[in-house]
Amino acid sequence: MKQPILIKFGQRIRELRKARNLSQEQLAELTGFHRNYIGMIERGERNPALVNIEIFANAFGLNLSELFIF
């Protein structure tokens, strides 16, 4: 069963990616993650480590608290 927080976080990542007109592959290049990992995050299938969350925030030019505005 997917955890609600993982689903919300994944939706936020997808929302930010699409707002910047980025494909999953382009976001993968920005973050250094594999595009499959990006997809799994967006679907709420992975629980990213705190260091990876910071990488996402930096890729979007946000601080951590802004990243968690659901």
N, C-alpha and C. Protein backbone atom coordinates (compact mmCIF):
# COMPACT_ATOMS: atom_id res chain seq x y z
N MET A 1 0.84 -1.19 0.00
CA MET A 1 0.00 0.00 0.00
C MET A 1 0.88 1.25 0.00
N LYS A 2 0.58 2.16 -0.89
CA LYS A 2 1.35 3.40 -0.97
C LYS A 2 0.97 4.33 0.18
N GLN A 3 1.96 4.97 0.75
CA GLN A 3 1.75 5.90 1.84
C GLN A 3 1.27 7.24 1.27
N PRO A 4 0.27 7.87 1.91
CA PRO A 4 -0.25 9.15 1.42
C PRO A 4 0.83 10.22 1.23
N ILE A 5 1.79 10.29 2.13
CA ILE A 5 2.84 11.31 2.00
C ILE A 5 3.68 11.08 0.75
N LEU A 6 3.91 9.83 0.39
CA LEU A 6 4.69 9.53 -0.82
C LEU A 6 3.91 9.90 -2.07
N ILE A 7 2.61 9.70 -2.04
CA ILE A 7 1.76 10.07 -3.16
C ILE A 7 1.74 11.59 -3.31
N LYS A 8 1.58 12.31 -2.21
CA LYS A 8 1.56 13.78 -2.25
C LYS A 8 2.90 14.32 -2.74
N PHE A 9 3.99 13.75 -2.24
CA PHE A 9 5.31 14.21 -2.67
C PHE A 9 5.50 13.95 -4.16
N GLY A 10 5.11 12.78 -4.62
CA GLY A 10 5.23 12.45 -6.03
C GLY A 10 4.41 13.36 -6.91
N GLN A 11 3.21 13.68 -6.47
CA GLN A 11 2.37 14.61 -7.22
C GLN A 11 3.01 15.99 -7.29
N ARG A 12 3.65 16.39 -6.21
CA ARG A 12 4.33 17.70 -6.18
C ARG A 12 5.50 17.71 -7.15
N ILE A 13 6.27 16.64 -7.18
CA ILE A 13 7.40 16.56 -8.11
C ILE A 13 6.88 16.63 -9.55
N ARG A 14 5.84 15.88 -9.86
CA ARG A 14 5.26 15.90 -11.21
C ARG A 14 4.74 17.30 -11.57
N GLU A 15 4.06 17.93 -10.62
CA GLU A 15 3.52 19.28 -10.83
C GLU A 15 4.64 20.27 -11.15
N LEU A 16 5.70 20.23 -10.37
CA LEU A 16 6.83 21.14 -10.59
C LEU A 16 7.54 20.85 -11.90
N ARG A 17 7.69 19.58 -12.22
CA ARG A 17 8.36 19.19 -13.47
C ARG A 17 7.57 19.69 -14.67
N LYS A 18 6.26 19.47 -14.64
CA LYS A 18 5.43 19.89 -15.76
C LYS A 18 5.34 21.41 -15.87
N ALA A 19 5.31 22.11 -14.73
CA ALA A 19 5.27 23.57 -14.74
C ALA A 19 6.51 24.16 -15.40
N ARG A 20 7.60 23.41 -15.37
CA ARG A 20 8.85 23.87 -15.98
C ARG A 20 9.07 23.24 -17.36
N ASN A 21 8.03 22.57 -17.85
CA ASN A 21 8.07 21.92 -19.17
C ASN A 21 9.26 20.96 -19.31
N LEU A 22 9.48 20.18 -18.27
CA LEU A 22 10.56 19.19 -18.28
C LEU A 22 9.99 17.80 -18.45
N SER A 23 10.65 16.98 -19.22
CA SER A 23 10.31 15.57 -19.29
C SER A 23 10.96 14.87 -18.09
N GLN A 24 10.55 13.64 -17.84
CA GLN A 24 11.20 12.89 -16.77
C GLN A 24 12.67 12.71 -17.09
N GLU A 25 12.99 12.51 -18.34
CA GLU A 25 14.39 12.34 -18.73
C GLU A 25 15.20 13.62 -18.47
N GLN A 26 14.61 14.78 -18.77
CA GLN A 26 15.32 16.04 -18.52
C GLN A 26 15.52 16.27 -17.03
N LEU A 27 14.51 15.94 -16.22
CA LEU A 27 14.66 16.07 -14.77
C LEU A 27 15.71 15.09 -14.27
N ALA A 28 15.74 13.91 -14.85
CA ALA A 28 16.77 12.93 -14.48
C ALA A 28 18.16 13.48 -14.75
N GLU A 29 18.33 14.16 -15.87
CA GLU A 29 19.64 14.75 -16.20
C GLU A 29 20.01 15.84 -15.19
N LEU A 30 19.02 16.65 -14.80
CA LEU A 30 19.28 17.72 -13.83
C LEU A 30 19.66 17.19 -12.45
N THR A 31 19.04 16.09 -12.06
CA THR A 31 19.24 15.57 -10.72
C THR A 31 20.32 14.50 -10.62
N GLY A 32 20.62 13.85 -11.75
CA GLY A 32 21.55 12.73 -11.72
C GLY A 32 20.88 11.41 -11.39
N PHE A 33 19.55 11.41 -11.29
CA PHE A 33 18.80 10.19 -11.03
C PHE A 33 18.42 9.53 -12.35
N HIS A 34 18.11 8.25 -12.29
CA HIS A 34 17.62 7.54 -13.47
C HIS A 34 16.17 7.96 -13.71
N ARG A 35 15.76 8.03 -14.98
CA ARG A 35 14.38 8.46 -15.27
C ARG A 35 13.36 7.49 -14.70
N ASN A 36 13.70 6.23 -14.57
CA ASN A 36 12.77 5.27 -13.94
C ASN A 36 12.53 5.63 -12.47
N TYR A 37 13.59 6.09 -11.80
CA TYR A 37 13.47 6.51 -10.40
C TYR A 37 12.54 7.72 -10.30
N ILE A 38 12.66 8.66 -11.24
CA ILE A 38 11.78 9.83 -11.26
C ILE A 38 10.33 9.37 -11.37
N GLY A 39 10.05 8.46 -12.29
CA GLY A 39 8.70 7.94 -12.46
C GLY A 39 8.18 7.26 -11.21
N MET A 40 9.03 6.50 -10.56
CA MET A 40 8.62 5.80 -9.35
C MET A 40 8.32 6.79 -8.22
N ILE A 41 9.09 7.85 -8.13
CA ILE A 41 8.83 8.90 -7.14
C ILE A 41 7.48 9.54 -7.44
N GLU A 42 7.26 9.90 -8.71
CA GLU A 42 6.01 10.57 -9.08
C GLU A 42 4.78 9.70 -8.83
N ARG A 43 4.93 8.41 -8.92
CA ARG A 43 3.81 7.49 -8.66
C ARG A 43 3.68 7.10 -7.19
N GLY A 44 4.56 7.61 -6.35
CA GLY A 44 4.51 7.30 -4.92
C GLY A 44 4.99 5.91 -4.58
N GLU A 45 5.82 5.34 -5.47
CA GLU A 45 6.31 3.98 -5.27
C GLU A 45 7.64 3.91 -4.53
N ARG A 46 8.32 5.04 -4.40
CA ARG A 46 9.63 5.06 -3.72
C ARG A 46 9.59 6.08 -2.59
N ASN A 47 10.37 5.80 -1.57
CA ASN A 47 10.52 6.70 -0.43
C ASN A 47 11.93 7.30 -0.54
N PRO A 48 12.03 8.50 -1.11
CA PRO A 48 13.36 9.06 -1.35
C PRO A 48 14.08 9.45 -0.05
N ALA A 49 15.38 9.29 -0.08
CA ALA A 49 16.21 9.69 1.06
C ALA A 49 16.23 11.22 1.16
N LEU A 50 16.49 11.72 2.33
CA LEU A 50 16.52 13.16 2.57
C LEU A 50 17.51 13.85 1.63
N VAL A 51 18.66 13.26 1.39
CA VAL A 51 19.63 13.88 0.49
C VAL A 51 19.07 13.97 -0.93
N ASN A 52 18.26 12.99 -1.34
CA ASN A 52 17.65 13.03 -2.67
C ASN A 52 16.56 14.09 -2.75
N ILE A 53 15.84 14.28 -1.66
CA ILE A 53 14.82 15.33 -1.61
C ILE A 53 15.48 16.69 -1.79
N GLU A 54 16.62 16.89 -1.16
CA GLU A 54 17.35 18.15 -1.32
C GLU A 54 17.81 18.34 -2.76
N ILE A 55 18.19 17.27 -3.43
CA ILE A 55 18.59 17.36 -4.83
C ILE A 55 17.41 17.81 -5.68
N PHE A 56 16.23 17.27 -5.42
CA PHE A 56 15.03 17.71 -6.14
C PHE A 56 14.78 19.20 -5.89
N ALA A 57 14.85 19.62 -4.64
CA ALA A 57 14.63 21.04 -4.32
C ALA A 57 15.60 21.92 -5.08
N ASN A 58 16.86 21.57 -5.08
CA ASN A 58 17.87 22.35 -5.79
C ASN A 58 17.60 22.38 -7.30
N ALA A 59 17.18 21.26 -7.85
CA ALA A 59 16.90 21.19 -9.29
C ALA A 59 15.77 22.14 -9.68
N PHE A 60 14.81 22.34 -8.77
CA PHE A 60 13.69 23.23 -9.04
C PHE A 60 13.94 24.65 -8.54
N GLY A 61 15.09 24.88 -7.93
CA GLY A 61 15.40 26.22 -7.41
C GLY A 61 14.55 26.58 -6.20
N LEU A 62 14.22 25.59 -5.39
CA LEU A 62 13.39 25.80 -4.21
C LEU A 62 14.15 25.42 -2.95
N ASN A 63 13.70 25.96 -1.82
CA ASN A 63 14.25 25.43 -0.56
C ASN A 63 13.37 24.25 -0.15
N LEU A 64 13.81 23.52 0.84
CA LEU A 64 13.09 22.30 1.23
C LEU A 64 11.66 22.57 1.64
N SER A 65 11.41 23.64 2.39
CA SER A 65 10.04 23.90 2.82
C SER A 65 9.13 24.22 1.64
N GLU A 66 9.63 24.89 0.63
CA GLU A 66 8.83 25.18 -0.55
C GLU A 66 8.48 23.91 -1.32
N LEU A 67 9.39 22.96 -1.31
CA LEU A 67 9.16 21.71 -2.01
C LEU A 67 8.00 20.94 -1.39
N PHE A 68 7.78 21.15 -0.09
CA PHE A 68 6.74 20.40 0.62
C PHE A 68 5.42 21.17 0.73
N ILE A 69 5.22 22.16 -0.12
CA ILE A 69 3.93 22.84 -0.16
C ILE A 69 3.02 22.04 -1.07
N PHE A 70 2.17 21.23 -0.45
CA PHE A 70 1.25 20.38 -1.21
C PHE A 70 -0.03 21.13 -1.41
